[in-house]
């Protein structure tokens, strides 16, 4: 039920968000994601930069789509990220870029 509420109320709260997240359902995203996972050997790029090896399966936009949509399909703007780093990065993006809930 939480996932349903998140997807129908929070994630798709307006048309821009709906279009933004539809990108993640495309074949293009699927190919880009796989390319980045293989390039980064399924290891978190942020942990690796600190000398820590952490397996991960999430591919993240370094510069968020909300900030610069032109970079959404740029493989150089994508990195593998673990859940811990992703939470920290999301919090940082909200402060730095004004992305996420509130979307200032």
PDB file of N, CA and C in Angstrom:
ATOM      1  N   UNK A   1       0.821  -1.194   0.000  1.00  0.00           N
ATOM      2  CA  UNK A   1       0.000   0.000   0.000  1.00  0.00           C
ATOM      3  C   UNK A   1       0.865   1.259   0.000  1.00  0.00           C
ATOM      4  N   UNK A   2       1.965   1.229   0.755  1.00  0.00           N
ATOM      5  CA  UNK A   2       2.866   2.397   0.766  1.00  0.00           C
ATOM      6  C   UNK A   2       3.382   2.683  -0.635  1.00  0.00           C
ATOM      7  N   UNK A   3       3.813   1.622  -1.340  1.00  0.00           N
ATOM      8  CA  UNK A   3       4.351   1.792  -2.694  1.00  0.00           C
ATOM      9  C   UNK A   3       3.290   2.381  -3.615  1.00  0.00           C
ATOM     10  N   UNK A   4       2.055   1.886  -3.510  1.00  0.00           N
ATOM     11  CA  UNK A   4       0.970   2.407  -4.341  1.00  0.00           C
ATOM     12  C   UNK A   4       0.771   3.895  -4.072  1.00  0.00           C
ATOM     13  N   UNK A   5       0.708   4.282  -2.781  1.00  0.00           N
ATOM     14  CA  UNK A   5       0.517   5.692  -2.434  1.00  0.00           C
ATOM     15  C   UNK A   5       1.694   6.528  -2.943  1.00  0.00           C
ATOM     16  N   UNK A   6       2.913   6.002  -2.760  1.00  0.00           N
ATOM     17  CA  UNK A   6       4.090   6.735  -3.220  1.00  0.00           C
ATOM     18  C   UNK A   6       4.012   6.981  -4.722  1.00  0.00           C
ATOM     19  N   UNK A   7       3.714   5.931  -5.485  1.00  0.00           N
ATOM     20  CA  UNK A   7       3.694   6.057  -6.940  1.00  0.00           C
ATOM     21  C   UNK A   7       2.537   6.894  -7.459  1.00  0.00           C
ATOM     22  N   UNK A   8       1.362   6.827  -6.818  1.00  0.00           N
ATOM     23  CA  UNK A   8       0.208   7.545  -7.348  1.00  0.00           C
ATOM     24  C   UNK A   8       0.070   8.957  -6.795  1.00  0.00           C
ATOM     25  N   UNK A   9       0.603   9.205  -5.603  1.00  0.00           N
ATOM     26  CA  UNK A   9       0.436  10.526  -4.991  1.00  0.00           C
ATOM     27  C   UNK A   9       1.744  11.319  -4.979  1.00  0.00           C
ATOM     28  N   UNK A  10       2.791  10.739  -4.458  1.00  0.00           N
ATOM     29  CA  UNK A  10       4.040  11.469  -4.266  1.00  0.00           C
ATOM     30  C   UNK A  10       4.858  11.571  -5.545  1.00  0.00           C
ATOM     31  N   UNK A  11       5.172  10.437  -6.138  1.00  0.00           N
ATOM     32  CA  UNK A  11       6.051  10.432  -7.303  1.00  0.00           C
ATOM     33  C   UNK A  11       5.424  11.152  -8.490  1.00  0.00           C
ATOM     34  N   UNK A  12       4.149  10.939  -8.742  1.00  0.00           N
ATOM     35  CA  UNK A  12       3.494  11.509  -9.922  1.00  0.00           C
ATOM     36  C   UNK A  12       2.588  12.671  -9.543  1.00  0.00           C
ATOM     37  N   UNK A  13       3.061  13.553  -8.667  1.00  0.00           N
ATOM     38  CA  UNK A  13       2.185  14.595  -8.149  1.00  0.00           C
ATOM     39  C   UNK A  13       1.830  15.662  -9.180  1.00  0.00           C
ATOM     40  N   UNK A  14       2.555  15.730 -10.278  1.00  0.00           N
ATOM     41  CA  UNK A  14       2.177  16.650 -11.357  1.00  0.00           C
ATOM     42  C   UNK A  14       2.655  16.092 -12.694  1.00  0.00           C
ATOM     43  N   UNK A  15       2.268  16.746 -13.764  1.00  0.00           N
ATOM     44  CA  UNK A  15       2.555  16.225 -15.105  1.00  0.00           C
ATOM     45  C   UNK A  15       4.058  16.163 -15.385  1.00  0.00           C
ATOM     46  N   UNK A  16       4.822  17.134 -14.916  1.00  0.00           N
ATOM     47  CA  UNK A  16       6.284  17.109 -15.133  1.00  0.00           C
ATOM     48  C   UNK A  16       6.894  15.862 -14.495  1.00  0.00           C
ATOM     49  N   UNK A  17       6.470  15.561 -13.273  1.00  0.00           N
ATOM     50  CA  UNK A  17       6.986  14.376 -12.575  1.00  0.00           C
ATOM     51  C   UNK A  17       6.584  13.107 -13.326  1.00  0.00           C
ATOM     52  N   UNK A  18       5.360  13.074 -13.793  1.00  0.00           N
ATOM     53  CA  UNK A  18       4.862  11.901 -14.505  1.00  0.00           C
ATOM     54  C   UNK A  18       5.725  11.640 -15.741  1.00  0.00           C
ATOM     55  N   UNK A  19       6.010  12.672 -16.512  1.00  0.00           N
ATOM     56  CA  UNK A  19       6.839  12.521 -17.710  1.00  0.00           C
ATOM     57  C   UNK A  19       8.270  12.154 -17.343  1.00  0.00           C
ATOM     58  N   UNK A  20       8.786  12.774 -16.297  1.00  0.00           N
ATOM     59  CA  UNK A  20      10.152  12.497 -15.850  1.00  0.00           C
ATOM     60  C   UNK A  20      10.308  11.032 -15.478  1.00  0.00           C
ATOM     61  N   UNK A  21       9.387  10.488 -14.712  1.00  0.00           N
ATOM     62  CA  UNK A  21       9.511   9.108 -14.268  1.00  0.00           C
ATOM     63  C   UNK A  21       9.119   8.095 -15.333  1.00  0.00           C
ATOM     64  N   UNK A  22       8.361   8.520 -16.348  1.00  0.00           N
ATOM     65  CA  UNK A  22       8.061   7.623 -17.465  1.00  0.00           C
ATOM     66  C   UNK A  22       9.336   7.232 -18.205  1.00  0.00           C
ATOM     67  N   UNK A  23      10.345   8.089 -18.165  1.00  0.00           N
ATOM     68  CA  UNK A  23      11.631   7.801 -18.799  1.00  0.00           C
ATOM     69  C   UNK A  23      12.213   6.493 -18.273  1.00  0.00           C
ATOM     70  N   UNK A  24      11.995   6.223 -16.989  1.00  0.00           N
ATOM     71  CA  UNK A  24      12.561   5.019 -16.377  1.00  0.00           C
ATOM     72  C   UNK A  24      11.869   3.737 -16.844  1.00  0.00           C
ATOM     73  N   UNK A  25      10.815   3.868 -17.605  1.00  0.00           N
ATOM     74  CA  UNK A  25      10.123   2.699 -18.160  1.00  0.00           C
ATOM     75  C   UNK A  25      10.486   2.458 -19.625  1.00  0.00           C
ATOM     76  N   UNK A  26      11.381   3.250 -20.174  1.00  0.00           N
ATOM     77  CA  UNK A  26      11.709   3.127 -21.591  1.00  0.00           C
ATOM     78  C   UNK A  26      12.824   2.118 -21.833  1.00  0.00           C
ATOM     79  N   UNK A  27      12.869   1.648 -23.052  1.00  0.00           N
ATOM     80  CA  UNK A  27      13.939   0.737 -23.465  1.00  0.00           C
ATOM     81  C   UNK A  27      15.290   1.459 -23.414  1.00  0.00           C
ATOM     82  N   UNK A  28      15.296   2.737 -23.756  1.00  0.00           N
ATOM     83  CA  UNK A  28      16.528   3.532 -23.715  1.00  0.00           C
ATOM     84  C   UNK A  28      17.127   3.506 -22.306  1.00  0.00           C
ATOM     85  N   UNK A  29      16.293   3.734 -21.273  1.00  0.00           N
ATOM     86  CA  UNK A  29      16.783   3.714 -19.895  1.00  0.00           C
ATOM     87  C   UNK A  29      17.312   2.333 -19.531  1.00  0.00           C
ATOM     88  N   UNK A  30      16.590   1.307 -19.932  1.00  0.00           N
ATOM     89  CA  UNK A  30      17.001  -0.056 -19.627  1.00  0.00           C
ATOM     90  C   UNK A  30      18.397  -0.348 -20.178  1.00  0.00           C
ATOM     91  N   UNK A  31      18.653   0.090 -21.402  1.00  0.00           N
ATOM     92  CA  UNK A  31      19.970  -0.112 -22.018  1.00  0.00           C
ATOM     93  C   UNK A  31      21.055   0.744 -21.339  1.00  0.00           C
ATOM     94  N   UNK A  32      20.719   2.000 -21.066  1.00  0.00           N
ATOM     95  CA  UNK A  32      21.684   2.879 -20.387  1.00  0.00           C
ATOM     96  C   UNK A  32      22.051   2.321 -19.013  1.00  0.00           C
ATOM     97  N   UNK A  33      21.030   1.882 -18.275  1.00  0.00           N
ATOM     98  CA  UNK A  33      21.245   1.342 -16.932  1.00  0.00           C
ATOM     99  C   UNK A  33      22.183   0.140 -16.978  1.00  0.00           C
ATOM    100  N   UNK A  34      21.916  -0.775 -17.895  1.00  0.00           N
ATOM    101  CA  UNK A  34      22.754  -1.967 -18.006  1.00  0.00           C
ATOM    102  C   UNK A  34      24.187  -1.602 -18.393  1.00  0.00           C
ATOM    103  N   UNK A  35      24.327  -0.650 -19.288  1.00  0.00           N
ATOM    104  CA  UNK A  35      25.653  -0.193 -19.724  1.00  0.00           C
ATOM    105  C   UNK A  35      26.449   0.363 -18.540  1.00  0.00           C
ATOM    106  N   UNK A  36      25.797   1.157 -17.704  1.00  0.00           N
ATOM    107  CA  UNK A  36      26.472   1.768 -16.553  1.00  0.00           C
ATOM    108  C   UNK A  36      26.796   0.712 -15.493  1.00  0.00           C
ATOM    109  N   UNK A  37      25.886  -0.217 -15.247  1.00  0.00           N
ATOM    110  CA  UNK A  37      26.157  -1.289 -14.278  1.00  0.00           C
ATOM    111  C   UNK A  37      27.387  -2.095 -14.695  1.00  0.00           C
ATOM    112  N   UNK A  38      27.471  -2.415 -15.971  1.00  0.00           N
ATOM    113  CA  UNK A  38      28.629  -3.171 -16.464  1.00  0.00           C
ATOM    114  C   UNK A  38      29.897  -2.330 -16.446  1.00  0.00           C
ATOM    115  N   UNK A  39      29.782  -1.064 -16.810  1.00  0.00           N
ATOM    116  CA  UNK A  39      30.948  -0.163 -16.803  1.00  0.00           C
ATOM    117  C   UNK A  39      31.532  -0.028 -15.399  1.00  0.00           C
ATOM    118  N   UNK A  40      30.645   0.088 -14.405  1.00  0.00           N
ATOM    119  CA  UNK A  40      31.080   0.293 -13.017  1.00  0.00           C
ATOM    120  C   UNK A  40      31.188  -1.020 -12.238  1.00  0.00           C
ATOM    121  N   UNK A  41      31.026  -2.145 -12.932  1.00  0.00           N
ATOM    122  CA  UNK A  41      31.180  -3.482 -12.340  1.00  0.00           C
ATOM    123  C   UNK A  41      30.269  -3.711 -11.130  1.00  0.00           C
ATOM    124  N   UNK A  42      29.054  -3.117 -11.179  1.00  0.00           N
ATOM    125  CA  UNK A  42      28.067  -3.291 -10.106  1.00  0.00           C
ATOM    126  C   UNK A  42      28.607  -2.845  -8.751  1.00  0.00           C
ATOM    127  N   UNK A  43      29.467  -1.833  -8.740  1.00  0.00           N
ATOM    128  CA  UNK A  43      30.039  -1.307  -7.496  1.00  0.00           C
ATOM    129  C   UNK A  43      29.668   0.165  -7.339  1.00  0.00           C
ATOM    130  N   UNK A  44      29.319   0.562  -6.134  1.00  0.00           N
ATOM    131  CA  UNK A  44      28.950   1.948  -5.854  1.00  0.00           C
ATOM    132  C   UNK A  44      30.128   2.876  -6.146  1.00  0.00           C
ATOM    133  N   UNK A  45      29.904   3.836  -7.032  1.00  0.00           N
ATOM    134  CA  UNK A  45      30.965   4.775  -7.417  1.00  0.00           C
ATOM    135  C   UNK A  45      31.337   5.710  -6.273  1.00  0.00           C
ATOM    136  N   UNK A  46      30.373   6.040  -5.424  1.00  0.00           N
ATOM    137  CA  UNK A  46      30.620   6.971  -4.325  1.00  0.00           C
ATOM    138  C   UNK A  46      31.432   6.306  -3.214  1.00  0.00           C
ATOM    139  N   UNK A  47      31.113   5.058  -2.902  1.00  0.00           N
ATOM    140  CA  UNK A  47      31.908   4.310  -1.922  1.00  0.00           C
ATOM    141  C   UNK A  47      33.317   4.072  -2.474  1.00  0.00           C
ATOM    142  N   UNK A  48      33.391   3.716  -3.748  1.00  0.00           N
ATOM    143  CA  UNK A  48      34.671   3.427  -4.391  1.00  0.00           C
ATOM    144  C   UNK A  48      35.605   4.636  -4.324  1.00  0.00           C
ATOM    145  N   UNK A  49      35.037   5.835  -4.459  1.00  0.00           N
ATOM    146  CA  UNK A  49      35.838   7.058  -4.378  1.00  0.00           C
ATOM    147  C   UNK A  49      36.454   7.238  -2.988  1.00  0.00           C
ATOM    148  N   UNK A  50      35.860   6.588  -1.988  1.00  0.00           N
ATOM    149  CA  UNK A  50      36.378   6.651  -0.616  1.00  0.00           C
ATOM    150  C   UNK A  50      37.214   5.423  -0.267  1.00  0.00           C
ATOM    151  N   UNK A  51      37.451   4.566  -1.264  1.00  0.00           N
ATOM    152  CA  UNK A  51      38.256   3.378  -1.046  1.00  0.00           C
ATOM    153  C   UNK A  51      37.489   2.207  -0.463  1.00  0.00           C
ATOM    154  N   UNK A  52      36.168   2.261  -0.537  1.00  0.00           N
ATOM    155  CA  UNK A  52      35.322   1.195  -0.001  1.00  0.00           C
ATOM    156  C   UNK A  52      34.661   0.465  -1.173  1.00  0.00           C
ATOM    157  N   UNK A  53      34.627  -0.847  -1.123  1.00  0.00           N
ATOM    158  CA  UNK A  53      33.993  -1.638  -2.170  1.00  0.00           C
ATOM    159  C   UNK A  53      32.604  -2.062  -1.693  1.00  0.00           C
ATOM    160  N   UNK A  54      31.566  -1.554  -2.353  1.00  0.00           N
ATOM    161  CA  UNK A  54      30.183  -1.865  -1.990  1.00  0.00           C
ATOM    162  C   UNK A  54      29.411  -2.280  -3.234  1.00  0.00           C
ATOM    163  N   UNK A  55      28.887  -3.503  -3.268  1.00  0.00           N
ATOM    164  CA  UNK A  55      28.059  -3.921  -4.401  1.00  0.00           C
ATOM    165  C   UNK A  55      26.764  -3.094  -4.451  1.00  0.00           C
ATOM    166  N   UNK A  56      26.301  -2.800  -5.656  1.00  0.00           N
ATOM    167  CA  UNK A  56      25.078  -2.007  -5.811  1.00  0.00           C
ATOM    168  C   UNK A  56      24.431  -2.306  -7.159  1.00  0.00           C
ATOM    169  N   UNK A  57      23.133  -2.069  -7.240  1.00  0.00           N
ATOM    170  CA  UNK A  57      22.394  -2.309  -8.481  1.00  0.00           C
ATOM    171  C   UNK A  57      21.592  -1.097  -8.935  1.00  0.00           C
ATOM    172  N   UNK A  58      21.679  -0.004  -8.201  1.00  0.00           N
ATOM    173  CA  UNK A  58      20.932   1.197  -8.553  1.00  0.00           C
ATOM    174  C   UNK A  58      21.811   2.100  -9.411  1.00  0.00           C
ATOM    175  N   UNK A  59      21.215   2.646 -10.484  1.00  0.00           N
ATOM    176  CA  UNK A  59      21.922   3.608 -11.326  1.00  0.00           C
ATOM    177  C   UNK A  59      21.280   4.967 -11.083  1.00  0.00           C
ATOM    178  N   UNK A  60      22.107   5.954 -10.793  1.00  0.00           N
ATOM    179  CA  UNK A  60      21.643   7.275 -10.374  1.00  0.00           C
ATOM    180  C   UNK A  60      22.156   8.344 -11.322  1.00  0.00           C
ATOM    181  N   UNK A  61      21.349   9.388 -11.502  1.00  0.00           N
ATOM    182  CA  UNK A  61      21.809  10.555 -12.251  1.00  0.00           C
ATOM    183  C   UNK A  61      22.669  11.412 -11.327  1.00  0.00           C
ATOM    184  N   UNK A  62      23.873  11.702 -11.736  1.00  0.00           N
ATOM    185  CA  UNK A  62      24.775  12.529 -10.932  1.00  0.00           C
ATOM    186  C   UNK A  62      24.167  13.919 -10.780  1.00  0.00           C
ATOM    187  N   UNK A  63      23.828  14.550 -11.899  1.00  0.00           N
ATOM    188  CA  UNK A  63      23.064  15.800 -11.880  1.00  0.00           C
ATOM    189  C   UNK A  63      21.610  15.384 -12.096  1.00  0.00           C
ATOM    190  N   UNK A  64      20.713  15.678 -11.160  1.00  0.00           N
ATOM    191  CA  UNK A  64      19.330  15.198 -11.250  1.00  0.00           C
ATOM    192  C   UNK A  64      18.603  15.678 -12.501  1.00  0.00           C
ATOM    193  N   UNK A  65      17.695  14.853 -12.980  1.00  0.00           N
ATOM    194  CA  UNK A  65      16.868  15.204 -14.145  1.00  0.00           C
ATOM    195  C   UNK A  65      16.095  16.485 -13.865  1.00  0.00           C
ATOM    196  N   UNK A  66      15.614  16.649 -12.652  1.00  0.00           N
ATOM    197  CA  UNK A  66      14.839  17.849 -12.299  1.00  0.00           C
ATOM    198  C   UNK A  66      15.652  19.118 -12.510  1.00  0.00           C
ATOM    199  N   UNK A  67      16.960  19.032 -12.343  1.00  0.00           N
ATOM    200  CA  UNK A  67      17.829  20.196 -12.486  1.00  0.00           C
ATOM    201  C   UNK A  67      18.225  20.419 -13.933  1.00  0.00           C
ATOM    202  N   UNK A  68      18.552  19.354 -14.665  1.00  0.00           N
ATOM    203  CA  UNK A  68      18.963  19.476 -16.064  1.00  0.00           C
ATOM    204  C   UNK A  68      18.498  18.254 -16.854  1.00  0.00           C
ATOM    205  N   UNK A  69      17.324  18.370 -17.451  1.00  0.00           N
ATOM    206  CA  UNK A  69      16.730  17.248 -18.168  1.00  0.00           C
ATOM    207  C   UNK A  69      17.548  16.847 -19.394  1.00  0.00           C
ATOM    208  N   UNK A  70      18.357  17.748 -19.926  1.00  0.00           N
ATOM    209  CA  UNK A  70      19.178  17.444 -21.095  1.00  0.00           C
ATOM    210  C   UNK A  70      20.201  16.352 -20.804  1.00  0.00           C
ATOM    211  N   UNK A  71      20.529  16.132 -19.530  1.00  0.00           N
ATOM    212  CA  UNK A  71      21.528  15.133 -19.154  1.00  0.00           C
ATOM    213  C   UNK A  71      20.929  13.772 -18.813  1.00  0.00           C
ATOM    214  N   UNK A  72      19.610  13.619 -18.972  1.00  0.00           N
ATOM    215  CA  UNK A  72      18.977  12.380 -18.504  1.00  0.00           C
ATOM    216  C   UNK A  72      19.444  11.132 -19.241  1.00  0.00           C
ATOM    217  N   UNK A  73      19.850  11.240 -20.495  1.00  0.00           N
ATOM    218  CA  UNK A  73      20.290  10.070 -21.258  1.00  0.00           C
ATOM    219  C   UNK A  73      21.793  10.087 -21.513  1.00  0.00           C
ATOM    220  N   UNK A  74      22.517  10.939 -20.804  1.00  0.00           N
ATOM    221  CA  UNK A  74      23.965  11.044 -20.966  1.00  0.00           C
ATOM    222  C   UNK A  74      24.639  10.037 -20.029  1.00  0.00           C
ATOM    223  N   UNK A  75      25.308   9.055 -20.610  1.00  0.00           N
ATOM    224  CA  UNK A  75      25.927   7.989 -19.817  1.00  0.00           C
ATOM    225  C   UNK A  75      26.995   8.540 -18.864  1.00  0.00           C
ATOM    226  N   UNK A  76      27.595   9.670 -19.197  1.00  0.00           N
ATOM    227  CA  UNK A  76      28.594  10.284 -18.312  1.00  0.00           C
ATOM    228  C   UNK A  76      27.952  10.930 -17.077  1.00  0.00           C
ATOM    229  N   UNK A  77      26.642  11.091 -17.098  1.00  0.00           N
ATOM    230  CA  UNK A  77      25.915  11.654 -15.962  1.00  0.00           C
ATOM    231  C   UNK A  77      25.280  10.556 -15.106  1.00  0.00           C
ATOM    232  N   UNK A  78      25.677   9.308 -15.327  1.00  0.00           N
ATOM    233  CA  UNK A  78      25.110   8.186 -14.592  1.00  0.00           C
ATOM    234  C   UNK A  78      26.189   7.453 -13.807  1.00  0.00           C
ATOM    235  N   UNK A  79      25.822   6.985 -12.631  1.00  0.00           N
ATOM    236  CA  UNK A  79      26.752   6.220 -11.794  1.00  0.00           C
ATOM    237  C   UNK A  79      25.973   5.194 -10.983  1.00  0.00           C
ATOM    238  N   UNK A  80      26.635   4.076 -10.682  1.00  0.00           N
ATOM    239  CA  UNK A  80      26.061   3.065  -9.803  1.00  0.00           C
ATOM    240  C   UNK A  80      26.177   3.594  -8.375  1.00  0.00           C
ATOM    241  N   UNK A  81      25.121   3.359  -7.581  1.00  0.00           N
ATOM    242  CA  UNK A  81      25.103   3.899  -6.226  1.00  0.00           C
ATOM    243  C   UNK A  81      24.413   2.911  -5.288  1.00  0.00           C
ATOM    244  N   UNK A  82      24.957   2.759  -4.090  1.00  0.00           N
ATOM    245  CA  UNK A  82      24.340   1.878  -3.085  1.00  0.00           C
ATOM    246  C   UNK A  82      23.213   2.638  -2.382  1.00  0.00           C
ATOM    247  N   UNK A  83      22.396   1.928  -1.637  1.00  0.00           N
ATOM    248  CA  UNK A  83      21.238   2.558  -1.000  1.00  0.00           C
ATOM    249  C   UNK A  83      21.645   3.604   0.039  1.00  0.00           C
ATOM    250  N   UNK A  84      22.703   3.345   0.798  1.00  0.00           N
ATOM    251  CA  UNK A  84      23.148   4.313   1.813  1.00  0.00           C
ATOM    252  C   UNK A  84      23.597   5.620   1.151  1.00  0.00           C
ATOM    253  N   UNK A  85      24.434   5.512   0.126  1.00  0.00           N
ATOM    254  CA  UNK A  85      24.901   6.709  -0.587  1.00  0.00           C
ATOM    255  C   UNK A  85      23.741   7.410  -1.296  1.00  0.00           C
ATOM    256  N   UNK A  86      22.792   6.636  -1.815  1.00  0.00           N
ATOM    257  CA  UNK A  86      21.658   7.222  -2.523  1.00  0.00           C
ATOM    258  C   UNK A  86      20.808   8.073  -1.580  1.00  0.00           C
ATOM    259  N   UNK A  87      20.580   7.586  -0.367  1.00  0.00           N
ATOM    260  CA  UNK A  87      19.819   8.367   0.614  1.00  0.00           C
ATOM    261  C   UNK A  87      20.552   9.668   0.945  1.00  0.00           C
ATOM    262  N   UNK A  88      21.859   9.578   1.175  1.00  0.00           N
ATOM    263  CA  UNK A  88      22.646  10.777   1.495  1.00  0.00           C
ATOM    264  C   UNK A  88      22.661  11.756   0.326  1.00  0.00           C
ATOM    265  N   UNK A  89      22.812  11.229  -0.878  1.00  0.00           N
ATOM    266  CA  UNK A  89      22.861  12.083  -2.071  1.00  0.00           C
ATOM    267  C   UNK A  89      21.511  12.753  -2.309  1.00  0.00           C
ATOM    268  N   UNK A  90      20.426  12.017  -2.094  1.00  0.00           N
ATOM    269  CA  UNK A  90      19.090  12.589  -2.267  1.00  0.00           C
ATOM    270  C   UNK A  90      18.875  13.742  -1.299  1.00  0.00           C
ATOM    271  N   UNK A  91      19.283  13.564  -0.051  1.00  0.00           N
ATOM    272  CA  UNK A  91      19.168  14.643   0.940  1.00  0.00           C
ATOM    273  C   UNK A  91      19.991  15.851   0.507  1.00  0.00           C
ATOM    274  N   UNK A  92      21.204  15.604   0.018  1.00  0.00           N
ATOM    275  CA  UNK A  92      22.077  16.691  -0.440  1.00  0.00           C
ATOM    276  C   UNK A  92      21.467  17.402  -1.638  1.00  0.00           C
ATOM    277  N   UNK A  93      20.888  16.646  -2.575  1.00  0.00           N
ATOM    278  CA  UNK A  93      20.271  17.247  -3.766  1.00  0.00           C
ATOM    279  C   UNK A  93      19.104  18.145  -3.391  1.00  0.00           C
ATOM    280  N   UNK A  94      18.332  17.746  -2.392  1.00  0.00           N
ATOM    281  CA  UNK A  94      17.197  18.566  -1.984  1.00  0.00           C
ATOM    282  C   UNK A  94      17.658  19.919  -1.469  1.00  0.00           C
ATOM    283  N   UNK A  95      18.779  19.927  -0.751  1.00  0.00           N
ATOM    284  CA  UNK A  95      19.314  21.184  -0.233  1.00  0.00           C
ATOM    285  C   UNK A  95      19.990  21.986  -1.353  1.00  0.00           C
ATOM    286  N   UNK A  96      20.799  21.312  -2.175  1.00  0.00           N
ATOM    287  CA  UNK A  96      21.605  21.991  -3.187  1.00  0.00           C
ATOM    288  C   UNK A  96      20.807  22.412  -4.411  1.00  0.00           C
ATOM    289  N   UNK A  97      20.013  21.480  -4.963  1.00  0.00           N
ATOM    290  CA  UNK A  97      19.284  21.749  -6.208  1.00  0.00           C
ATOM    291  C   UNK A  97      17.817  22.111  -5.978  1.00  0.00           C
ATOM    292  N   UNK A  98      17.299  21.872  -4.796  1.00  0.00           N
ATOM    293  CA  UNK A  98      15.873  22.105  -4.553  1.00  0.00           C
ATOM    294  C   UNK A  98      15.005  21.055  -5.207  1.00  0.00           C
ATOM    295  N   UNK A  99      15.536  19.840  -5.365  1.00  0.00           N
ATOM    296  CA  UNK A  99      14.776  18.769  -6.000  1.00  0.00           C
ATOM    297  C   UNK A  99      14.003  17.984  -4.961  1.00  0.00           C
ATOM    298  N   UNK A 100      13.197  17.063  -5.451  1.00  0.00           N
ATOM    299  CA  UNK A 100      12.446  16.189  -4.552  1.00  0.00           C
ATOM    300  C   UNK A 100      11.186  16.842  -4.060  1.00  0.00           C
ATOM    301  N   UNK A 101      10.700  16.377  -2.920  1.00  0.00           N
ATOM    302  CA  UNK A 101       9.447  16.878  -2.381  1.00  0.00           C
ATOM    303  C   UNK A 101       9.566  18.363  -2.063  1.00  0.00           C
ATOM    304  N   UNK A 102       8.609  19.124  -2.486  1.00  0.00           N
ATOM    305  CA  UNK A 102       8.681  20.571  -2.343  1.00  0.00           C
ATOM    306  C   UNK A 102       9.146  21.204  -3.639  1.00  0.00           C
ATOM    307  N   UNK A 103      10.081  20.557  -4.312  1.00  0.00           N
ATOM    308  CA  UNK A 103      10.604  20.939  -5.634  1.00  0.00           C
ATOM    309  C   UNK A 103      10.664  22.444  -5.845  1.00  0.00           C
ATOM    310  N   UNK A 104      11.475  23.100  -5.068  1.00  0.00           N
ATOM    311  CA  UNK A 104      11.646  24.543  -5.189  1.00  0.00           C
ATOM    312  C   UNK A 104      12.619  24.835  -6.292  1.00  0.00           C
TER     313      UNK A 104
END
